[in-house]
Protein backbone atom coordinates (compact mmCIF):
# COMPACT_ATOMS: atom_id res chain seq x y z
CA UNK A 1 0.76 9.10 17.92
CA UNK A 2 -2.49 10.93 17.52
CA UNK A 3 -5.81 9.04 17.36
CA UNK A 4 -8.82 10.63 15.90
CA UNK A 5 -12.59 9.87 15.76
CA UNK A 6 -13.55 8.64 12.27
CA UNK A 7 -16.97 10.42 12.17
CA UNK A 8 -16.21 13.99 13.53
CA UNK A 9 -12.19 14.28 13.38
CA UNK A 10 -11.82 15.01 17.05
CA UNK A 11 -8.49 14.29 18.80
CA UNK A 12 -8.84 11.43 21.22
CA UNK A 13 -6.72 10.12 23.90
CA UNK A 14 -5.10 6.70 23.29
CA UNK A 15 -7.41 3.98 24.66
CA UNK A 16 -10.72 6.07 24.33
CA UNK A 17 -13.62 4.05 23.50
CA UNK A 18 -16.03 6.82 22.86
CA UNK A 19 -15.49 10.14 21.19
CA UNK A 20 -15.89 12.95 23.66
CA UNK A 21 -17.61 15.19 21.07
CA UNK A 22 -20.09 13.17 18.96
CA UNK A 23 -20.36 10.01 21.21
CA UNK A 24 -19.44 7.58 18.46
CA UNK A 25 -18.10 4.20 19.61
CA UNK A 26 -14.24 4.13 18.19
CA UNK A 27 -12.30 0.97 17.53
CA UNK A 28 -10.06 -0.18 20.12
CA UNK A 29 -6.98 -0.52 17.94
CA UNK A 30 -5.51 2.10 15.68
CA UNK A 31 -5.11 1.23 11.95
CA UNK A 32 -1.79 -0.19 11.26
CA UNK A 33 0.84 2.54 10.01
CA UNK A 34 2.34 2.53 6.32
CA UNK A 35 0.78 1.49 3.24
CA UNK A 36 -0.82 -2.11 2.31
CA UNK A 37 1.68 -4.45 0.61
CA UNK A 38 1.07 -3.92 -3.01
CA UNK A 39 3.00 -3.73 -6.03
CA UNK A 40 3.03 -0.25 -7.46
CA UNK A 41 2.41 0.40 -11.02
CA UNK A 42 4.66 3.49 -11.13
CA UNK A 43 8.03 3.56 -9.95
CA UNK A 44 9.16 0.01 -10.19
CA UNK A 45 11.93 -1.40 -12.12
CA UNK A 46 11.14 -5.27 -12.78
CA UNK A 47 8.19 -6.44 -10.95
CA UNK A 48 7.93 -3.94 -8.06
CA UNK A 49 8.71 -6.29 -5.28
CA UNK A 50 11.41 -4.04 -3.85
CA UNK A 51 9.06 -0.89 -4.26
CA UNK A 52 6.20 -2.76 -2.58
CA UNK A 53 8.58 -3.73 0.62
CA UNK A 54 9.87 -0.41 0.68
CA UNK A 55 6.56 1.50 0.47
CA UNK A 56 4.72 -0.63 2.95
CA UNK A 57 7.49 -0.50 5.68
CA UNK A 58 8.90 3.10 5.11
CA UNK A 59 12.30 1.80 4.06
CA UNK A 60 14.58 3.70 1.47
CA UNK A 61 13.90 2.18 -1.90
CA UNK A 62 17.66 2.51 -3.04
CA UNK A 63 18.72 0.67 0.02
CA UNK A 64 16.39 -2.34 -0.54
CA UNK A 65 17.35 -2.38 -4.31
CA UNK A 66 21.07 -2.59 -3.33
CA UNK A 67 20.47 -5.35 -0.78
CA UNK A 68 18.37 -7.25 -3.29
CA UNK A 69 21.21 -7.17 -5.97
CA UNK A 70 23.75 -8.06 -3.60
CA UNK A 71 21.54 -10.96 -2.50
CA UNK A 72 21.12 -12.32 -5.92
CA UNK A 73 24.78 -12.84 -6.22
CA UNK A 74 25.62 -13.97 -2.45
CA UNK A 75 22.75 -16.32 -1.86
CA UNK A 76 23.23 -18.90 -4.39
CA UNK A 77 19.60 -18.16 -6.14
CA UNK A 78 17.53 -17.93 -2.87
CA UNK A 79 16.97 -14.34 -2.99
CA UNK A 80 16.10 -14.67 -6.69
CA UNK A 81 13.43 -17.54 -5.57
CA UNK A 82 12.04 -15.14 -2.99
CA UNK A 83 11.73 -12.21 -5.47
CA UNK A 84 9.78 -14.33 -7.97
CA UNK A 85 7.67 -15.53 -5.13
CA UNK A 86 6.83 -12.03 -4.01
CA UNK A 87 6.27 -10.94 -7.76
CA UNK A 88 3.58 -13.76 -7.82
CA UNK A 89 2.27 -13.50 -4.37
CA UNK A 90 1.95 -9.74 -3.77
CA UNK A 91 -0.99 -8.12 -5.61
CA UNK A 92 -0.60 -5.48 -8.06
CA UNK A 93 -1.69 -2.07 -7.13
CA UNK A 94 -5.32 -1.38 -8.62
CA UNK A 95 -5.66 1.75 -10.67
CA UNK A 96 -9.07 3.64 -9.63
CA UNK A 97 -10.53 6.16 -12.33
CA UNK A 98 -10.19 9.84 -11.31
CA UNK A 99 -13.26 11.40 -9.53
CA UNK A 100 -15.68 12.99 -12.04
CA UNK A 101 -14.41 11.01 -15.05
CA UNK A 102 -17.14 8.96 -16.91
CA UNK A 103 -16.57 5.98 -19.04
CA UNK A 104 -16.45 6.48 -22.92
CA UNK A 105 -19.56 6.58 -24.53
CA UNK A 106 -20.61 3.32 -26.74
CA UNK A 107 -19.68 3.52 -30.27
CA UNK A 108 -22.43 4.74 -32.55
CA UNK A 109 -24.68 2.00 -34.11
CA UNK A 110 -24.93 1.85 -37.69
CA UNK A 111 -28.43 2.19 -38.72
């Protein structure tokens, strides 16, 4: 796994405390791999819980959905309760405005 200086982008050896190029103090731990656990807006079927779990852990989305459906019928409702808890507990992905876009102008006032 490569480790980079966040200031200049130089490749660093694991365990480095300072950047050899710019001298910046680097953190002792690397950031966690994958994406944060958020329910995506695009690509979800019902609540986005399966898509959130698959994306954050790097799993196959189709396999997670199949396991969930089988679990709905085989667990006596336990997976359904867990799915609803995930739907409530996992935050929804925030949509950020595209760079360079401005908010719409205010409506003209009637004078």
